[in-house]
Amino acid sequence: MYGGTERVVSYLTEELVAQGHEVTLFASGDSVTAARLVPGSTRALRLDRSCRDPLAHHVLLLEKVLQRAAEFDVLHFHVDYMHFPLSRRAGIPHVTTLHGRLDLPDLGAVYREFRDAPVVSISNGQQAQLAAAAWERTVYHGVPPALFRQGRGDGGYLAFLGRISPEKRVDRAIEIARRAGQRLRIAAKVDPADIEYFERQIRPLLAVPHVEFVGEISETEKSDFLGDASALLFPIDWPEPFGLVLIEALACGTPIVAYDEGSVPEIVEDGVTGFLVQSVTEAVAAVNRLESIHRAACRRSFEDRFTAARMAADYVELYERIISRSRPLAVAGGSAA
C-alpha cells in the first residue's frame, strides 16, 4: 500500500472479509490480503522501475475483471471512469468510488454520457463539484481502529503529513509554525511530478531551525508521528476530496488546524476536534488555542464516524441496493421480465 486510494481499498477489502463476505481483489501480485487475489501485475507499479506505461497494466486488469464478471454479485471499481464503456456493455451490477478532484472542466461530458454508471463520493464537497454524475451516496473513508492509538501530544512539535505538492501548501505550514514559535516536523513523499516544485520552491524553506524534514514514513510509524504532535497542520489550497490524514490524526487524538476547503468542514468539527481557518494569521491564532481541544474528543469522533467497520457497512448497504435493482421484477403469471 502506498497511496490513499490503495490503503482505503485494502481497509475495505479486509473488513468485508472479516464480516464474512466473499471478496475477490484485483490488484498487484504483491498485495497482502485475506481476499482471493487476482494479480494485474507482478508488483505495485509505483515500485516497479521497469514500468513505463501504467495504463497498459490497467487495461489488462480491467479485461480480467470483465472476463470473470458473471462470478460476482457486484463489482466495485476504484479506477475513475476508465471502465465505463466496458461495464455499460457488460450489463453487470457495479458501482464506482471516485477518489480524486472533480472540478475539472473535461469531466462534465464524460459523466453526462454515462449517467447509467452509479458512482459514490467520498465527501459531499467532492460530490458538489460534479452535478452531472449519477451519484448514489457519499461514503466517508474509514480505517481500522487498531492501526492507531491515542497519543499524548507531548512531542513539542506540529506535524505535516502527506505529499509535497503545490495544493498541499507545506510552505504555509512552515510559515504557520514559524509565526507560532513552534517546531514543525514534515513527513512527506515527493512524487515524480512534483520533484521540480520541491527542489525550487520547498527545499530552500527546509533550511531553517524550526523545521525538520523526515521524508516519507511507513504506516507503522504514523501513530507515533501523529500521536506525539500537538496538532496536525492541513493548510491546503484546493478542494480536497477527503484527506485521509485527517482521520488518521483524529484516531491518534491529535487536533487539526486546517484550511476550510473541500471536505475539511465535514471531517473537522470546529472548536471540538480542531479549528477551521482561512489564513495564516487565523492558523497561528488557532495553534495558540490548542489547549481547548481535548484529545479524547478527537479519538471519539474517529471511533463514531471514521472506522473501517462503518465504511464497510455503508458499502454493503449500497451493494444490496444496487444488486436488488438489477434483479428481474416478477410480473403476472409468475414469469420474470
C-alpha atoms as a PDB file:
ATOM      1  CA  MET A   1       0.000   0.000   0.000  1.00  0.00           C
ATOM      2  CA  TYR A   2       1.468   3.347  -0.915  1.00  0.00           C
ATOM      3  CA  GLY A   3      -1.306   5.852  -1.603  1.00  0.00           C
ATOM      4  CA  GLY A   4      -4.571   6.914  -0.029  1.00  0.00           C
ATOM      5  CA  THR A   5      -6.757   5.103  -2.547  1.00  0.00           C
ATOM      6  CA  GLU A   6      -4.818   1.861  -2.261  1.00  0.00           C
ATOM      7  CA  ARG A   7      -4.990   1.936   1.520  1.00  0.00           C
ATOM      8  CA  VAL A   8      -8.722   2.608   1.578  1.00  0.00           C
ATOM      9  CA  VAL A   9      -9.356  -0.265  -0.856  1.00  0.00           C
ATOM     10  CA  SER A  10      -7.290  -2.534   1.374  1.00  0.00           C
ATOM     11  CA  TYR A  11      -9.085  -1.469   4.568  1.00  0.00           C
ATOM     12  CA  LEU A  12     -12.451  -2.038   2.892  1.00  0.00           C
ATOM     13  CA  THR A  13     -11.457  -5.416   1.449  1.00  0.00           C
ATOM     14  CA  GLU A  14     -10.125  -6.790   4.722  1.00  0.00           C
ATOM     15  CA  GLU A  15     -13.127  -5.558   6.699  1.00  0.00           C
ATOM     16  CA  LEU A  16     -15.584  -7.091   4.221  1.00  0.00           C
ATOM     17  CA  VAL A  17     -13.776 -10.424   4.512  1.00  0.00           C
ATOM     18  CA  ALA A  18     -13.766 -10.152   8.306  1.00  0.00           C
ATOM     19  CA  GLN A  19     -17.538  -9.599   8.220  1.00  0.00           C
ATOM     20  CA  GLY A  20     -17.984 -12.843   6.309  1.00  0.00           C
ATOM     21  CA  HIS A  21     -18.324 -11.642   2.709  1.00  0.00           C
ATOM     22  CA  GLU A  22     -16.653 -13.392  -0.218  1.00  0.00           C
ATOM     23  CA  VAL A  23     -14.339 -10.881  -1.869  1.00  0.00           C
ATOM     24  CA  THR A  24     -12.036 -11.098  -4.888  1.00  0.00           C
ATOM     25  CA  LEU A  25      -9.431  -8.356  -5.107  1.00  0.00           C
ATOM     26  CA  PHE A  26      -7.969  -7.424  -8.492  1.00  0.00           C
ATOM     27  CA  ALA A  27      -4.662  -5.745  -7.642  1.00  0.00           C
ATOM     28  CA  SER A  28      -0.894  -6.130  -7.914  1.00  0.00           C
ATOM     29  CA  GLY A  29       0.544  -9.565  -7.223  1.00  0.00           C
ATOM     30  CA  ASP A  30       2.460  -8.412  -4.146  1.00  0.00           C
ATOM     31  CA  SER A  31      -0.718  -7.282  -2.384  1.00  0.00           C
ATOM     32  CA  VAL A  32      -1.292  -8.755   1.070  1.00  0.00           C
ATOM     33  CA  THR A  33      -4.944  -9.659   1.561  1.00  0.00           C
ATOM     34  CA  ALA A  34      -7.330 -12.169   3.124  1.00  0.00           C
ATOM     35  CA  ALA A  35      -9.450 -11.975  -0.041  1.00  0.00           C
ATOM     36  CA  ARG A  36      -8.907 -14.026  -3.196  1.00  0.00           C
ATOM     37  CA  LEU A  37      -6.244 -12.140  -5.144  1.00  0.00           C
ATOM     38  CA  VAL A  38      -6.194 -11.841  -8.935  1.00  0.00           C
ATOM     39  CA  PRO A  39      -2.943 -10.099  -9.931  1.00  0.00           C
ATOM     40  CA  GLY A  40      -2.908  -7.481 -12.634  1.00  0.00           C
ATOM     41  CA  SER A  41       0.862  -7.043 -12.425  1.00  0.00           C
ATOM     42  CA  THR A  42       3.660  -8.793 -10.588  1.00  0.00           C
ATOM     43  CA  ARG A  43       4.238  -5.920  -8.169  1.00  0.00           C
ATOM     44  CA  ALA A  44       2.956  -2.442  -7.375  1.00  0.00           C
ATOM     45  CA  LEU A  45       3.567  -0.242 -10.410  1.00  0.00           C
ATOM     46  CA  ARG A  46       4.970   2.634  -8.370  1.00  0.00           C
ATOM     47  CA  LEU A  47       7.686   0.339  -7.060  1.00  0.00           C
ATOM     48  CA  ASP A  48       8.468  -1.227 -10.435  1.00  0.00           C
ATOM     49  CA  ARG A  49      11.141   0.856 -12.149  1.00  0.00           C
ATOM     50  CA  SER A  50      10.712  -1.162 -15.348  1.00  0.00           C
ATOM     51  CA  CYS A  51       7.109   0.051 -15.739  1.00  0.00           C
ATOM     52  CA  ARG A  52       6.984   2.727 -18.439  1.00  0.00           C
ATOM     53  CA  ASP A  53       3.267   2.631 -19.246  1.00  0.00           C
ATOM     54  CA  PRO A  54       0.987   2.038 -16.223  1.00  0.00           C
ATOM     55  CA  LEU A  55      -2.122   2.383 -18.402  1.00  0.00           C
ATOM     56  CA  ALA A  56      -1.280  -0.875 -20.191  1.00  0.00           C
ATOM     57  CA  HIS A  57      -1.454  -2.773 -16.901  1.00  0.00           C
ATOM     58  CA  HIS A  58      -4.768  -1.160 -16.001  1.00  0.00           C
ATOM     59  CA  VAL A  59      -6.303  -2.145 -19.333  1.00  0.00           C
ATOM     60  CA  LEU A  60      -5.215  -5.752 -18.845  1.00  0.00           C
ATOM     61  CA  LEU A  61      -6.575  -5.772 -15.304  1.00  0.00           C
ATOM     62  CA  LEU A  62      -9.964  -4.499 -16.469  1.00  0.00           C
ATOM     63  CA  GLU A  63     -10.071  -7.255 -19.079  1.00  0.00           C
ATOM     64  CA  LYS A  64      -9.517  -9.820 -16.322  1.00  0.00           C
ATOM     65  CA  VAL A  65     -12.310  -8.282 -14.279  1.00  0.00           C
ATOM     66  CA  LEU A  66     -14.798  -8.323 -17.154  1.00  0.00           C
ATOM     67  CA  GLN A  67     -13.893 -11.863 -18.181  1.00  0.00           C
ATOM     68  CA  ARG A  68     -14.959 -13.078 -14.737  1.00  0.00           C
ATOM     69  CA  ALA A  69     -17.765 -10.602 -14.089  1.00  0.00           C
ATOM     70  CA  ALA A  70     -20.510 -13.244 -14.078  1.00  0.00           C
ATOM     71  CA  GLU A  71     -18.948 -14.826 -10.987  1.00  0.00           C
ATOM     72  CA  PHE A  72     -19.777 -11.857  -8.767  1.00  0.00           C
ATOM     73  CA  ASP A  73     -22.910 -10.274  -7.319  1.00  0.00           C
ATOM     74  CA  VAL A  74     -21.493  -6.779  -7.739  1.00  0.00           C
ATOM     75  CA  LEU A  75     -18.293  -5.157  -8.972  1.00  0.00           C
ATOM     76  CA  HIS A  76     -16.784  -2.240  -7.078  1.00  0.00           C
ATOM     77  CA  PHE A  77     -14.391  -0.146  -9.178  1.00  0.00           C
ATOM     78  CA  HIS A  78     -11.792   2.377  -7.998  1.00  0.00           C
ATOM     79  CA  VAL A  79     -10.320   3.398 -11.374  1.00  0.00           C
ATOM     80  CA  ASP A  80     -12.397   6.526 -12.063  1.00  0.00           C
ATOM     81  CA  TYR A  81     -14.256   6.387 -15.387  1.00  0.00           C
ATOM     82  CA  MET A  82     -11.797   4.115 -17.214  1.00  0.00           C
ATOM     83  CA  HIS A  83     -14.135   1.121 -17.185  1.00  0.00           C
ATOM     84  CA  PHE A  84     -17.397   2.918 -18.071  1.00  0.00           C
ATOM     85  CA  PRO A  85     -17.660   1.768 -21.737  1.00  0.00           C
ATOM     86  CA  LEU A  86     -16.878  -1.826 -20.712  1.00  0.00           C
ATOM     87  CA  SER A  87     -19.192  -2.077 -17.712  1.00  0.00           C
ATOM     88  CA  ARG A  88     -22.035  -0.452 -19.661  1.00  0.00           C
ATOM     89  CA  ARG A  89     -21.887  -3.167 -22.309  1.00  0.00           C
ATOM     90  CA  ALA A  90     -21.346  -5.989 -19.835  1.00  0.00           C
ATOM     91  CA  GLY A  91     -24.646  -5.236 -18.134  1.00  0.00           C
ATOM     92  CA  ILE A  92     -23.462  -6.213 -14.649  1.00  0.00           C
ATOM     93  CA  PRO A  93     -24.278  -4.634 -11.258  1.00  0.00           C
ATOM     94  CA  HIS A  94     -21.443  -2.275 -10.446  1.00  0.00           C
ATOM     95  CA  VAL A  95     -20.526   0.886  -8.608  1.00  0.00           C
ATOM     96  CA  THR A  96     -17.503   3.176  -8.707  1.00  0.00           C
ATOM     97  CA  THR A  97     -15.971   5.192  -5.893  1.00  0.00           C
ATOM     98  CA  LEU A  98     -14.436   8.417  -7.175  1.00  0.00           C
ATOM     99  CA  HIS A  99     -11.325   9.328  -5.198  1.00  0.00           C
ATOM    100  CA  GLY A 100      -9.995  12.435  -6.937  1.00  0.00           C
ATOM    101  CA  ARG A 101     -10.856  16.059  -7.568  1.00  0.00           C
ATOM    102  CA  LEU A 102     -13.874  16.572  -9.810  1.00  0.00           C
ATOM    103  CA  ASP A 103     -13.806  20.299 -10.514  1.00  0.00           C
ATOM    104  CA  LEU A 104     -12.036  19.787 -13.861  1.00  0.00           C
ATOM    105  CA  PRO A 105     -13.947  21.084 -16.928  1.00  0.00           C
ATOM    106  CA  ASP A 106     -13.106  17.990 -19.004  1.00  0.00           C
ATOM    107  CA  LEU A 107     -15.128  15.680 -16.781  1.00  0.00           C
ATOM    108  CA  GLY A 108     -18.626  17.016 -17.341  1.00  0.00           C
ATOM    109  CA  ALA A 109     -19.163  15.485 -20.783  1.00  0.00           C
ATOM    110  CA  VAL A 110     -17.985  12.038 -19.647  1.00  0.00           C
ATOM    111  CA  TYR A 111     -20.328  11.851 -16.678  1.00  0.00           C
ATOM    112  CA  ARG A 112     -23.271  13.252 -18.637  1.00  0.00           C
ATOM    113  CA  GLU A 113     -22.808  10.474 -21.208  1.00  0.00           C
ATOM    114  CA  PHE A 114     -22.505   7.762 -18.568  1.00  0.00           C
ATOM    115  CA  ARG A 115     -25.497   8.668 -16.436  1.00  0.00           C
ATOM    116  CA  ASP A 116     -26.122   4.928 -16.140  1.00  0.00           C
ATOM    117  CA  ALA A 117     -22.864   4.419 -14.219  1.00  0.00           C
ATOM    118  CA  PRO A 118     -23.588   4.686 -10.462  1.00  0.00           C
ATOM    119  CA  VAL A 119     -20.864   6.479  -8.520  1.00  0.00           C
ATOM    120  CA  VAL A 120     -20.002   7.147  -4.884  1.00  0.00           C
ATOM    121  CA  SER A 121     -18.419  10.309  -3.498  1.00  0.00           C
ATOM    122  CA  ILE A 122     -16.027  10.338  -0.568  1.00  0.00           C
ATOM    123  CA  SER A 123     -17.364  13.673   0.693  1.00  0.00           C
ATOM    124  CA  ASN A 124     -20.346  15.881  -0.004  1.00  0.00           C
ATOM    125  CA  GLY A 125     -17.934  18.604  -1.045  1.00  0.00           C
ATOM    126  CA  GLN A 126     -16.478  16.356  -3.716  1.00  0.00           C
ATOM    127  CA  GLN A 127     -19.945  15.412  -4.952  1.00  0.00           C
ATOM    128  CA  ALA A 128     -20.940  19.062  -5.289  1.00  0.00           C
ATOM    129  CA  GLN A 129     -18.143  19.622  -7.812  1.00  0.00           C
ATOM    130  CA  LEU A 130     -19.809  17.453 -10.472  1.00  0.00           C
ATOM    131  CA  ALA A 131     -23.590  17.631 -10.708  1.00  0.00           C
ATOM    132  CA  ALA A 132     -23.659  15.567 -13.919  1.00  0.00           C
ATOM    133  CA  ALA A 133     -22.591  12.299 -12.281  1.00  0.00           C
ATOM    134  CA  ALA A 134     -25.054   9.545 -11.291  1.00  0.00           C
ATOM    135  CA  TRP A 135     -24.467   9.888  -7.572  1.00  0.00           C
ATOM    136  CA  GLU A 136     -25.654   7.104  -5.290  1.00  0.00           C
ATOM    137  CA  ARG A 137     -24.420   8.477  -1.963  1.00  0.00           C
ATOM    138  CA  THR A 138     -21.397   9.714  -0.017  1.00  0.00           C
ATOM    139  CA  VAL A 139     -19.365   7.127   1.900  1.00  0.00           C
ATOM    140  CA  TYR A 140     -16.658   8.556   4.128  1.00  0.00           C
ATOM    141  CA  HIS A 141     -13.377   6.705   4.334  1.00  0.00           C
ATOM    142  CA  GLY A 142     -12.610   4.601   7.378  1.00  0.00           C
ATOM    143  CA  VAL A 143      -9.510   2.984   8.864  1.00  0.00           C
ATOM    144  CA  PRO A 144      -9.062   0.082  11.304  1.00  0.00           C
ATOM    145  CA  PRO A 145      -9.010   1.475  14.864  1.00  0.00           C
ATOM    146  CA  ALA A 146      -6.162  -0.836  15.895  1.00  0.00           C
ATOM    147  CA  LEU A 147      -3.787   0.856  13.440  1.00  0.00           C
ATOM    148  CA  PHE A 148      -3.620   3.985  15.578  1.00  0.00           C
ATOM    149  CA  ARG A 149      -3.582   4.695  19.284  1.00  0.00           C
ATOM    150  CA  GLN A 150      -4.378   7.898  21.098  1.00  0.00           C
ATOM    151  CA  GLY A 151      -1.184   9.817  21.778  1.00  0.00           C
ATOM    152  CA  ARG A 152      -0.358  12.403  24.425  1.00  0.00           C
ATOM    153  CA  GLY A 153       0.759  15.164  22.098  1.00  0.00           C
ATOM    154  CA  ASP A 154       3.809  15.851  24.229  1.00  0.00           C
ATOM    155  CA  GLY A 155       6.451  15.732  21.484  1.00  0.00           C
ATOM    156  CA  GLY A 156       6.753  19.515  21.312  1.00  0.00           C
ATOM    157  CA  TYR A 157       6.039  19.896  17.604  1.00  0.00           C
ATOM    158  CA  LEU A 158       3.382  20.493  14.964  1.00  0.00           C
ATOM    159  CA  ALA A 159       3.048  17.878  12.232  1.00  0.00           C
ATOM    160  CA  PHE A 160       2.616  17.951   8.457  1.00  0.00           C
ATOM    161  CA  LEU A 161       1.910  14.597   6.840  1.00  0.00           C
ATOM    162  CA  GLY A 162       1.186  13.972   3.173  1.00  0.00           C
ATOM    163  CA  ARG A 163       2.574  14.875  -0.234  1.00  0.00           C
ATOM    164  CA  ILE A 164       4.839  17.737  -1.179  1.00  0.00           C
ATOM    165  CA  SER A 165       2.755  19.388  -3.888  1.00  0.00           C
ATOM    166  CA  PRO A 166       1.501  22.905  -4.675  1.00  0.00           C
ATOM    167  CA  GLU A 167      -2.044  22.201  -3.477  1.00  0.00           C
ATOM    168  CA  LYS A 168      -0.955  20.766  -0.107  1.00  0.00           C
ATOM    169  CA  ARG A 169       0.902  24.008   0.767  1.00  0.00           C
ATOM    170  CA  VAL A 170       3.648  22.799   3.078  1.00  0.00           C
ATOM    171  CA  ASP A 171       5.060  26.323   2.637  1.00  0.00           C
ATOM    172  CA  ARG A 172       2.074  27.613   4.578  1.00  0.00           C
ATOM    173  CA  ALA A 173       2.702  25.041   7.307  1.00  0.00           C
ATOM    174  CA  ILE A 174       6.299  26.230   7.632  1.00  0.00           C
ATOM    175  CA  GLU A 175       5.169  29.858   7.955  1.00  0.00           C
ATOM    176  CA  ILE A 176       2.417  28.994  10.452  1.00  0.00           C
ATOM    177  CA  ALA A 177       4.884  27.157  12.686  1.00  0.00           C
ATOM    178  CA  ARG A 178       7.425  29.971  12.427  1.00  0.00           C
ATOM    179  CA  ARG A 179       4.930  32.646  13.426  1.00  0.00           C
ATOM    180  CA  ALA A 180       3.541  30.477  16.221  1.00  0.00           C
ATOM    181  CA  GLY A 181       7.051  29.846  17.579  1.00  0.00           C
ATOM    182  CA  GLN A 182       6.649  26.077  17.183  1.00  0.00           C
ATOM    183  CA  ARG A 183       8.757  23.253  15.758  1.00  0.00           C
ATOM    184  CA  LEU A 184       7.426  21.615  12.602  1.00  0.00           C
ATOM    185  CA  ARG A 185       8.128  18.041  11.555  1.00  0.00           C
ATOM    186  CA  ILE A 186       7.331  17.225   7.928  1.00  0.00           C
ATOM    187  CA  ALA A 187       6.706  13.598   6.950  1.00  0.00           C
ATOM    188  CA  ALA A 188       6.006  13.659   3.245  1.00  0.00           C
ATOM    189  CA  LYS A 189       6.720  11.946  -0.034  1.00  0.00           C
ATOM    190  CA  VAL A 190       7.659  13.710  -3.270  1.00  0.00           C
ATOM    191  CA  ASP A 191       6.041  12.232  -6.355  1.00  0.00           C
ATOM    192  CA  PRO A 192       7.978  12.416  -9.642  1.00  0.00           C
ATOM    193  CA  ALA A 193       5.575  15.060 -10.961  1.00  0.00           C
ATOM    194  CA  ASP A 194       6.427  17.340  -8.019  1.00  0.00           C
ATOM    195  CA  ILE A 195      10.215  16.986  -7.879  1.00  0.00           C
ATOM    196  CA  GLU A 196      10.878  20.279  -9.652  1.00  0.00           C
ATOM    197  CA  TYR A 197       8.413  22.096  -7.391  1.00  0.00           C
ATOM    198  CA  PHE A 198      10.084  20.557  -4.342  1.00  0.00           C
ATOM    199  CA  GLU A 199      13.597  21.499  -5.428  1.00  0.00           C
ATOM    200  CA  ARG A 200      12.746  25.051  -6.483  1.00  0.00           C
ATOM    201  CA  GLN A 201      10.098  26.108  -4.000  1.00  0.00           C
ATOM    202  CA  ILE A 202      10.276  23.926  -0.895  1.00  0.00           C
ATOM    203  CA  ARG A 203      13.812  22.673  -0.319  1.00  0.00           C
ATOM    204  CA  PRO A 204      15.132  26.216   0.378  1.00  0.00           C
ATOM    205  CA  LEU A 205      12.445  26.585   3.074  1.00  0.00           C
ATOM    206  CA  LEU A 206      13.643  23.492   4.919  1.00  0.00           C
ATOM    207  CA  ALA A 207      16.980  25.040   5.906  1.00  0.00           C
ATOM    208  CA  VAL A 208      15.559  26.827   8.946  1.00  0.00           C
ATOM    209  CA  PRO A 209      15.993  25.820  12.602  1.00  0.00           C
ATOM    210  CA  HIS A 210      12.332  25.162  13.400  1.00  0.00           C
ATOM    211  CA  VAL A 211      11.757  22.673  10.522  1.00  0.00           C
ATOM    212  CA  GLU A 212      12.692  19.000  10.352  1.00  0.00           C
ATOM    213  CA  PHE A 213      12.077  17.151   7.099  1.00  0.00           C
ATOM    214  CA  VAL A 214      11.531  13.487   7.952  1.00  0.00           C
ATOM    215  CA  GLY A 215      10.633  12.276   4.458  1.00  0.00           C
ATOM    216  CA  GLU A 216       8.164   9.516   3.669  1.00  0.00           C
ATOM    217  CA  ILE A 217       7.188   7.354   6.646  1.00  0.00           C
ATOM    218  CA  SER A 218       5.606   3.909   6.851  1.00  0.00           C
ATOM    219  CA  GLU A 219       2.133   3.031   8.064  1.00  0.00           C
ATOM    220  CA  THR A 220       3.524   1.731  11.352  1.00  0.00           C
ATOM    221  CA  GLU A 221       5.363   4.997  12.040  1.00  0.00           C
ATOM    222  CA  LYS A 222       2.315   7.223  11.681  1.00  0.00           C
ATOM    223  CA  SER A 223       0.837   6.521  15.097  1.00  0.00           C
ATOM    224  CA  ASP A 224       3.874   7.867  16.948  1.00  0.00           C
ATOM    225  CA  PHE A 225       4.411  10.708  14.491  1.00  0.00           C
ATOM    226  CA  LEU A 226       0.842  11.994  14.772  1.00  0.00           C
ATOM    227  CA  GLY A 227       0.241  10.951  18.366  1.00  0.00           C
ATOM    228  CA  ASP A 228       3.233  12.886  19.686  1.00  0.00           C
ATOM    229  CA  ALA A 229       2.315  16.051  17.751  1.00  0.00           C
ATOM    230  CA  SER A 230       0.423  18.863  19.421  1.00  0.00           C
ATOM    231  CA  ALA A 231      -1.568  19.304  16.200  1.00  0.00           C
ATOM    232  CA  LEU A 232      -1.713  18.393  12.533  1.00  0.00           C
ATOM    233  CA  LEU A 233      -1.411  21.307  10.120  1.00  0.00           C
ATOM    234  CA  PHE A 234      -3.511  20.879   6.976  1.00  0.00           C
ATOM    235  CA  PRO A 235      -3.178  24.219   5.134  1.00  0.00           C
ATOM    236  CA  ILE A 236      -4.471  23.064   1.733  1.00  0.00           C
ATOM    237  CA  ASP A 237      -5.111  25.251  -1.290  1.00  0.00           C
ATOM    238  CA  TRP A 238      -7.534  23.083  -3.290  1.00  0.00           C
ATOM    239  CA  PRO A 239     -10.943  21.377  -2.984  1.00  0.00           C
ATOM    240  CA  GLU A 240      -9.692  18.348  -1.053  1.00  0.00           C
ATOM    241  CA  PRO A 241     -11.935  15.330  -1.869  1.00  0.00           C
ATOM    242  CA  PHE A 242     -11.375  13.772   1.568  1.00  0.00           C
ATOM    243  CA  GLY A 243      -7.954  13.925   3.236  1.00  0.00           C
ATOM    244  CA  LEU A 244      -7.184  10.539   4.799  1.00  0.00           C
ATOM    245  CA  VAL A 245      -4.558  12.063   7.068  1.00  0.00           C
ATOM    246  CA  LEU A 246      -7.326  13.991   8.836  1.00  0.00           C
ATOM    247  CA  ILE A 247      -8.971  10.858  10.206  1.00  0.00           C
ATOM    248  CA  GLU A 248      -5.583   9.310  10.940  1.00  0.00           C
ATOM    249  CA  ALA A 249      -4.860  12.336  13.138  1.00  0.00           C
ATOM    250  CA  LEU A 250      -8.237  12.026  14.853  1.00  0.00           C
ATOM    251  CA  ALA A 251      -7.522   8.338  15.507  1.00  0.00           C
ATOM    252  CA  CYS A 252      -4.355   9.448  17.327  1.00  0.00           C
ATOM    253  CA  GLY A 253      -6.306  12.008  19.331  1.00  0.00           C
ATOM    254  CA  THR A 254      -4.460  14.808  17.551  1.00  0.00           C
ATOM    255  CA  PRO A 255      -6.233  18.146  16.979  1.00  0.00           C
ATOM    256  CA  ILE A 256      -6.262  19.578  13.455  1.00  0.00           C
ATOM    257  CA  VAL A 257      -5.692  23.113  12.220  1.00  0.00           C
ATOM    258  CA  ALA A 258      -6.968  23.102   8.650  1.00  0.00           C
ATOM    259  CA  TYR A 259      -7.980  25.478   5.915  1.00  0.00           C
ATOM    260  CA  ASP A 260     -11.739  25.465   5.342  1.00  0.00           C
ATOM    261  CA  GLU A 261     -11.694  23.882   1.878  1.00  0.00           C
ATOM    262  CA  GLY A 262     -13.338  20.893   0.187  1.00  0.00           C
ATOM    263  CA  SER A 263     -14.185  18.059   2.560  1.00  0.00           C
ATOM    264  CA  VAL A 264     -12.480  19.591   5.585  1.00  0.00           C
ATOM    265  CA  PRO A 265     -15.587  21.040   7.323  1.00  0.00           C
ATOM    266  CA  GLU A 266     -17.266  17.624   7.048  1.00  0.00           C
ATOM    267  CA  ILE A 267     -14.433  15.965   8.975  1.00  0.00           C
ATOM    268  CA  VAL A 268     -13.077  18.584  11.387  1.00  0.00           C
ATOM    269  CA  GLU A 269     -15.569  19.817  13.974  1.00  0.00           C
ATOM    270  CA  ASP A 270     -14.579  23.430  14.534  1.00  0.00           C
ATOM    271  CA  GLY A 271     -13.752  24.037  18.183  1.00  0.00           C
ATOM    272  CA  VAL A 272     -14.223  20.347  19.062  1.00  0.00           C
ATOM    273  CA  THR A 273     -11.617  18.351  17.127  1.00  0.00           C
ATOM    274  CA  GLY A 274      -9.656  21.283  15.759  1.00  0.00           C
ATOM    275  CA  PHE A 275     -10.047  24.633  14.060  1.00  0.00           C
ATOM    276  CA  LEU A 276     -11.129  25.708  10.577  1.00  0.00           C
ATOM    277  CA  VAL A 277      -9.150  28.687   9.311  1.00  0.00           C
ATOM    278  CA  GLN A 278      -8.871  30.807   6.182  1.00  0.00           C
ATOM    279  CA  SER A 279      -5.464  32.436   6.551  1.00  0.00           C
ATOM    280  CA  VAL A 280      -2.026  32.007   8.071  1.00  0.00           C
ATOM    281  CA  THR A 281      -2.946  34.581  10.735  1.00  0.00           C
ATOM    282  CA  GLU A 282      -6.032  32.599  11.736  1.00  0.00           C
ATOM    283  CA  ALA A 283      -3.996  29.383  11.771  1.00  0.00           C
ATOM    284  CA  VAL A 284      -1.399  30.903  14.122  1.00  0.00           C
ATOM    285  CA  ALA A 285      -4.183  32.030  16.452  1.00  0.00           C
ATOM    286  CA  ALA A 286      -5.639  28.512  16.341  1.00  0.00           C
ATOM    287  CA  VAL A 287      -2.289  26.944  17.273  1.00  0.00           C
ATOM    288  CA  ASN A 288      -2.232  29.194  20.306  1.00  0.00           C
ATOM    289  CA  ARG A 289      -5.660  27.846  21.374  1.00  0.00           C
ATOM    290  CA  LEU A 290      -4.940  24.134  21.108  1.00  0.00           C
ATOM    291  CA  GLU A 291      -5.269  23.607  24.855  1.00  0.00           C
ATOM    292  CA  SER A 292      -9.052  23.996  24.431  1.00  0.00           C
ATOM    293  CA  ILE A 293      -9.230  20.846  22.280  1.00  0.00           C
ATOM    294  CA  HIS A 294      -9.468  17.547  24.165  1.00  0.00           C
ATOM    295  CA  ARG A 295      -7.605  14.648  22.608  1.00  0.00           C
ATOM    296  CA  ALA A 296     -10.205  12.169  23.839  1.00  0.00           C
ATOM    297  CA  ALA A 297     -12.847  14.065  21.843  1.00  0.00           C
ATOM    298  CA  CYS A 298     -10.730  13.677  18.706  1.00  0.00           C
ATOM    299  CA  ARG A 299     -10.412   9.917  19.188  1.00  0.00           C
ATOM    300  CA  ARG A 300     -14.128   9.640  19.980  1.00  0.00           C
ATOM    301  CA  SER A 301     -15.023  11.456  16.749  1.00  0.00           C
ATOM    302  CA  PHE A 302     -12.915   8.966  14.827  1.00  0.00           C
ATOM    303  CA  GLU A 303     -14.497   5.951  16.535  1.00  0.00           C
ATOM    304  CA  ASP A 304     -18.006   7.280  15.934  1.00  0.00           C
ATOM    305  CA  ARG A 305     -17.584   8.279  12.287  1.00  0.00           C
ATOM    306  CA  PHE A 306     -14.468   7.010  10.540  1.00  0.00           C
ATOM    307  CA  THR A 307     -13.781   3.337  11.252  1.00  0.00           C
ATOM    308  CA  ALA A 308     -13.330   0.680   8.580  1.00  0.00           C
ATOM    309  CA  ALA A 309     -16.311  -1.223  10.025  1.00  0.00           C
ATOM    310  CA  ARG A 310     -18.617   1.756   9.487  1.00  0.00           C
ATOM    311  CA  MET A 311     -17.271   2.249   5.949  1.00  0.00           C
ATOM    312  CA  ALA A 312     -17.831  -1.420   5.090  1.00  0.00           C
ATOM    313  CA  ALA A 313     -21.369  -1.349   6.498  1.00  0.00           C
ATOM    314  CA  ASP A 314     -22.198   1.675   4.332  1.00  0.00           C
ATOM    315  CA  TYR A 315     -20.882  -0.075   1.232  1.00  0.00           C
ATOM    316  CA  VAL A 316     -22.710  -3.337   1.969  1.00  0.00           C
ATOM    317  CA  GLU A 317     -25.955  -1.392   2.225  1.00  0.00           C
ATOM    318  CA  LEU A 318     -25.176   0.187  -1.142  1.00  0.00           C
ATOM    319  CA  TYR A 319     -24.195  -3.127  -2.754  1.00  0.00           C
ATOM    320  CA  GLU A 320     -27.513  -4.644  -1.694  1.00  0.00           C
ATOM    321  CA  ARG A 321     -29.434  -1.736  -3.201  1.00  0.00           C
ATOM    322  CA  ILE A 322     -27.567  -1.967  -6.495  1.00  0.00           C
ATOM    323  CA  ILE A 323     -27.985  -5.749  -6.676  1.00  0.00           C
ATOM    324  CA  SER A 324     -31.718  -5.511  -5.945  1.00  0.00           C
ATOM    325  CA  ARG A 325     -32.179  -3.037  -8.797  1.00  0.00           C
ATOM    326  CA  SER A 326     -30.593  -5.483 -11.237  1.00  0.00           C
ATOM    327  CA  ARG A 327     -32.911  -8.386 -10.403  1.00  0.00           C
ATOM    328  CA  PRO A 328     -35.817  -9.052 -12.805  1.00  0.00           C
ATOM    329  CA  LEU A 329     -39.186  -7.945 -11.497  1.00  0.00           C
ATOM    330  CA  ALA A 330     -41.916 -10.534 -11.117  1.00  0.00           C
ATOM    331  CA  VAL A 331     -44.917  -9.982 -13.457  1.00  0.00           C
ATOM    332  CA  ALA A 332     -48.380 -11.508 -13.791  1.00  0.00           C
ATOM    333  CA  GLY A 333     -48.309 -15.266 -14.343  1.00  0.00           C
ATOM    334  CA  GLY A 334     -45.073 -15.690 -12.358  1.00  0.00           C
ATOM    335  CA  SER A 335     -42.698 -15.066 -15.252  1.00  0.00           C
ATOM    336  CA  ALA A 336     -39.704 -12.751 -14.976  1.00  0.00           C
ATOM    337  CA  ALA A 337     -39.151  -9.693 -17.104  1.00  0.00           C
END
